[in-house]
Amino acid sequence: MLQVGDQAPDFTGLNQEKNRDAIQLSDFIGQRVTLYFFPKSGAYGCKHQACGIRDHWQIIQELLIVVIGVSGGHAKSHQ
């Protein structure tokens, strides 16, 4: 299991937009990336965590951090 600060293994995932290619973690080499894991859209915990990202979005952008949401749910439900 990964610990906070560990380097994540490369992976490929679907983008939430139908007209976009899948994304691959290695596409972001050299950038700061935060992986945001959530079980499904609309769950209480997900909303609470997402609000934290939203509320700190200006700081996240200033620090040039890419935020990637990872979920086992259907991509369309995350649009």
N, C-alpha and C. Protein backbone atom coordinates (compact mmCIF):
# COMPACT_ATOMS: atom_id res chain seq x y z
N MET A 1 0.84 -1.17 0.00
CA MET A 1 0.00 0.00 0.00
C MET A 1 0.89 1.25 0.00
N LEU A 2 0.48 2.23 -0.76
CA LEU A 2 1.22 3.49 -0.81
C LEU A 2 1.00 4.29 0.46
N GLN A 3 2.00 5.03 0.83
CA GLN A 3 1.92 5.93 1.98
C GLN A 3 1.97 7.36 1.45
N VAL A 4 1.56 8.31 2.27
CA VAL A 4 1.61 9.72 1.88
C VAL A 4 3.03 10.05 1.45
N GLY A 5 3.16 10.67 0.29
CA GLY A 5 4.47 11.06 -0.22
C GLY A 5 5.12 10.04 -1.12
N ASP A 6 4.59 8.80 -1.16
CA ASP A 6 5.15 7.78 -2.05
C ASP A 6 4.89 8.13 -3.51
N GLN A 7 5.76 7.68 -4.37
CA GLN A 7 5.55 7.86 -5.80
C GLN A 7 4.55 6.80 -6.27
N ALA A 8 3.53 7.25 -6.95
CA ALA A 8 2.50 6.33 -7.45
C ALA A 8 2.99 5.61 -8.70
N PRO A 9 2.56 4.38 -8.90
CA PRO A 9 2.92 3.69 -10.14
C PRO A 9 2.18 4.33 -11.31
N ASP A 10 2.74 4.21 -12.49
CA ASP A 10 2.08 4.76 -13.67
C ASP A 10 0.77 4.02 -13.90
N PHE A 11 -0.23 4.75 -14.34
CA PHE A 11 -1.52 4.14 -14.69
C PHE A 11 -2.18 4.97 -15.77
N THR A 12 -3.14 4.37 -16.43
CA THR A 12 -3.94 5.02 -17.45
C THR A 12 -5.39 4.95 -17.02
N GLY A 13 -6.12 6.04 -17.20
CA GLY A 13 -7.53 6.08 -16.83
C GLY A 13 -8.34 6.86 -17.84
N LEU A 14 -9.63 6.65 -17.80
CA LEU A 14 -10.53 7.37 -18.69
C LEU A 14 -10.69 8.80 -18.24
N ASN A 15 -10.81 9.69 -19.20
CA ASN A 15 -11.12 11.07 -18.91
C ASN A 15 -12.63 11.19 -18.81
N GLN A 16 -13.13 12.12 -18.02
CA GLN A 16 -14.57 12.27 -17.87
C GLN A 16 -15.25 12.80 -19.12
N GLU A 17 -14.50 13.39 -20.02
CA GLU A 17 -15.04 13.94 -21.25
C GLU A 17 -14.94 12.90 -22.36
N LYS A 18 -16.04 12.63 -23.03
CA LYS A 18 -16.06 11.61 -24.09
C LYS A 18 -15.11 11.94 -25.23
N ASN A 19 -14.94 13.23 -25.52
CA ASN A 19 -14.14 13.63 -26.68
C ASN A 19 -12.65 13.75 -26.36
N ARG A 20 -12.24 13.36 -25.18
CA ARG A 20 -10.84 13.46 -24.79
C ARG A 20 -10.23 12.08 -24.66
N ASP A 21 -8.94 12.02 -24.90
CA ASP A 21 -8.21 10.76 -24.74
C ASP A 21 -8.11 10.40 -23.26
N ALA A 22 -7.79 9.16 -23.03
CA ALA A 22 -7.50 8.71 -21.66
C ALA A 22 -6.27 9.47 -21.16
N ILE A 23 -6.15 9.57 -19.85
CA ILE A 23 -4.97 10.22 -19.29
C ILE A 23 -4.06 9.16 -18.70
N GLN A 24 -2.79 9.47 -18.69
CA GLN A 24 -1.79 8.57 -18.12
C GLN A 24 -0.98 9.38 -17.12
N LEU A 25 -0.74 8.81 -15.96
CA LEU A 25 -0.02 9.55 -14.92
C LEU A 25 1.33 10.03 -15.43
N SER A 26 2.00 9.22 -16.23
CA SER A 26 3.33 9.61 -16.73
C SER A 26 3.28 10.83 -17.64
N ASP A 27 2.09 11.24 -18.09
CA ASP A 27 1.95 12.47 -18.88
C ASP A 27 2.29 13.70 -18.04
N PHE A 28 2.33 13.53 -16.72
CA PHE A 28 2.53 14.66 -15.82
C PHE A 28 3.90 14.64 -15.14
N ILE A 29 4.85 13.89 -15.72
CA ILE A 29 6.21 13.84 -15.15
C ILE A 29 6.77 15.25 -15.06
N GLY A 30 7.37 15.56 -13.93
CA GLY A 30 7.95 16.87 -13.70
C GLY A 30 6.97 17.87 -13.10
N GLN A 31 5.71 17.47 -12.93
CA GLN A 31 4.71 18.34 -12.34
C GLN A 31 4.30 17.80 -10.98
N ARG A 32 3.79 18.68 -10.15
CA ARG A 32 3.23 18.25 -8.86
C ARG A 32 1.82 17.74 -9.12
N VAL A 33 1.56 16.53 -8.67
CA VAL A 33 0.26 15.91 -8.90
C VAL A 33 -0.32 15.44 -7.58
N THR A 34 -1.58 15.74 -7.37
CA THR A 34 -2.32 15.19 -6.24
C THR A 34 -3.38 14.26 -6.80
N LEU A 35 -3.37 13.00 -6.35
CA LEU A 35 -4.39 12.05 -6.73
C LEU A 35 -5.49 12.10 -5.67
N TYR A 36 -6.69 12.35 -6.12
CA TYR A 36 -7.85 12.49 -5.24
C TYR A 36 -8.73 11.27 -5.46
N PHE A 37 -8.74 10.35 -4.51
CA PHE A 37 -9.51 9.10 -4.62
C PHE A 37 -10.87 9.27 -3.96
N PHE A 38 -11.91 8.84 -4.67
CA PHE A 38 -13.25 8.87 -4.09
C PHE A 38 -14.07 7.71 -4.63
N PRO A 39 -14.99 7.16 -3.81
CA PRO A 39 -15.71 5.95 -4.22
C PRO A 39 -16.76 6.18 -5.29
N LYS A 40 -17.53 7.26 -5.19
CA LYS A 40 -18.55 7.54 -6.20
C LYS A 40 -18.99 8.99 -6.07
N SER A 41 -19.53 9.52 -7.16
CA SER A 41 -20.01 10.90 -7.14
C SER A 41 -21.21 11.03 -6.22
N GLY A 42 -21.25 12.13 -5.50
CA GLY A 42 -22.40 12.44 -4.67
C GLY A 42 -22.36 11.88 -3.26
N ALA A 43 -21.41 11.01 -2.94
CA ALA A 43 -21.32 10.47 -1.59
C ALA A 43 -20.90 11.58 -0.63
N TYR A 44 -21.37 11.52 0.61
CA TYR A 44 -21.10 12.59 1.58
C TYR A 44 -19.61 12.87 1.72
N GLY A 45 -18.82 11.84 1.92
CA GLY A 45 -17.39 12.04 2.09
C GLY A 45 -16.75 12.67 0.88
N CYS A 46 -17.23 12.28 -0.29
CA CYS A 46 -16.69 12.86 -1.54
C CYS A 46 -16.99 14.35 -1.61
N LYS A 47 -18.22 14.71 -1.28
CA LYS A 47 -18.59 16.13 -1.32
C LYS A 47 -17.74 16.92 -0.34
N HIS A 48 -17.52 16.38 0.85
CA HIS A 48 -16.74 17.07 1.87
C HIS A 48 -15.30 17.27 1.40
N GLN A 49 -14.70 16.23 0.85
CA GLN A 49 -13.32 16.33 0.35
C GLN A 49 -13.25 17.28 -0.83
N ALA A 50 -14.22 17.19 -1.74
CA ALA A 50 -14.21 18.05 -2.92
C ALA A 50 -14.34 19.51 -2.53
N CYS A 51 -15.10 19.80 -1.48
CA CYS A 51 -15.23 21.18 -1.02
C CYS A 51 -13.88 21.71 -0.53
N GLY A 52 -13.09 20.86 0.09
CA GLY A 52 -11.76 21.28 0.52
C GLY A 52 -10.88 21.65 -0.66
N ILE A 53 -10.98 20.88 -1.72
CA ILE A 53 -10.22 21.20 -2.94
C ILE A 53 -10.74 22.51 -3.53
N ARG A 54 -12.06 22.63 -3.64
CA ARG A 54 -12.67 23.85 -4.17
C ARG A 54 -12.27 25.07 -3.35
N ASP A 55 -12.34 24.95 -2.03
CA ASP A 55 -12.06 26.08 -1.16
C ASP A 55 -10.60 26.52 -1.20
N HIS A 56 -9.71 25.62 -1.60
CA HIS A 56 -8.28 25.94 -1.66
C HIS A 56 -7.77 25.98 -3.10
N TRP A 57 -8.69 26.07 -4.05
CA TRP A 57 -8.32 25.98 -5.47
C TRP A 57 -7.31 27.05 -5.87
N GLN A 58 -7.45 28.27 -5.38
CA GLN A 58 -6.52 29.34 -5.73
C GLN A 58 -5.10 28.97 -5.31
N ILE A 59 -4.94 28.44 -4.10
CA ILE A 59 -3.61 28.04 -3.61
C ILE A 59 -3.08 26.88 -4.44
N ILE A 60 -3.93 25.92 -4.74
CA ILE A 60 -3.54 24.76 -5.56
C ILE A 60 -3.01 25.24 -6.91
N GLN A 61 -3.70 26.18 -7.53
CA GLN A 61 -3.25 26.71 -8.82
C GLN A 61 -1.94 27.49 -8.68
N GLU A 62 -1.81 28.28 -7.63
CA GLU A 62 -0.59 29.05 -7.43
C GLU A 62 0.62 28.14 -7.25
N LEU A 63 0.41 26.98 -6.64
CA LEU A 63 1.49 26.02 -6.42
C LEU A 63 1.70 25.10 -7.63
N LEU A 64 0.92 25.34 -8.69
CA LEU A 64 1.01 24.58 -9.94
C LEU A 64 0.80 23.08 -9.71
N ILE A 65 -0.19 22.76 -8.89
CA ILE A 65 -0.51 21.37 -8.60
C ILE A 65 -1.63 20.90 -9.52
N VAL A 66 -1.43 19.77 -10.16
CA VAL A 66 -2.46 19.14 -10.99
C VAL A 66 -3.25 18.21 -10.08
N VAL A 67 -4.57 18.34 -10.08
CA VAL A 67 -5.43 17.47 -9.27
C VAL A 67 -6.12 16.47 -10.20
N ILE A 68 -5.94 15.20 -9.91
CA ILE A 68 -6.56 14.13 -10.71
C ILE A 68 -7.47 13.33 -9.78
N GLY A 69 -8.75 13.30 -10.12
CA GLY A 69 -9.71 12.52 -9.36
C GLY A 69 -9.72 11.08 -9.87
N VAL A 70 -9.71 10.13 -8.95
CA VAL A 70 -9.69 8.71 -9.30
C VAL A 70 -10.87 8.04 -8.62
N SER A 71 -11.70 7.37 -9.42
CA SER A 71 -12.87 6.69 -8.87
C SER A 71 -13.19 5.48 -9.71
N GLY A 72 -13.82 4.51 -9.09
CA GLY A 72 -14.26 3.33 -9.82
C GLY A 72 -15.60 3.53 -10.49
N GLY A 73 -16.22 4.70 -10.28
CA GLY A 73 -17.52 4.99 -10.87
C GLY A 73 -17.42 5.27 -12.36
N HIS A 74 -18.57 5.38 -12.99
CA HIS A 74 -18.65 5.66 -14.42
C HIS A 74 -18.20 7.08 -14.69
N ALA A 75 -17.39 7.28 -15.73
CA ALA A 75 -16.81 8.59 -16.04
C ALA A 75 -17.87 9.66 -16.23
N LYS A 76 -18.99 9.34 -16.84
CA LYS A 76 -20.04 10.34 -17.08
C LYS A 76 -20.59 10.91 -15.77
N SER A 77 -20.61 10.12 -14.72
CA SER A 77 -21.16 10.59 -13.44
C SER A 77 -20.27 11.65 -12.79
N HIS A 78 -19.07 11.86 -13.29
CA HIS A 78 -18.14 12.82 -12.70
C HIS A 78 -18.08 14.14 -13.45
N GLN A 79 -18.86 14.29 -14.50
CA GLN A 79 -18.77 15.51 -15.30
C GLN A 79 -19.22 16.73 -14.53
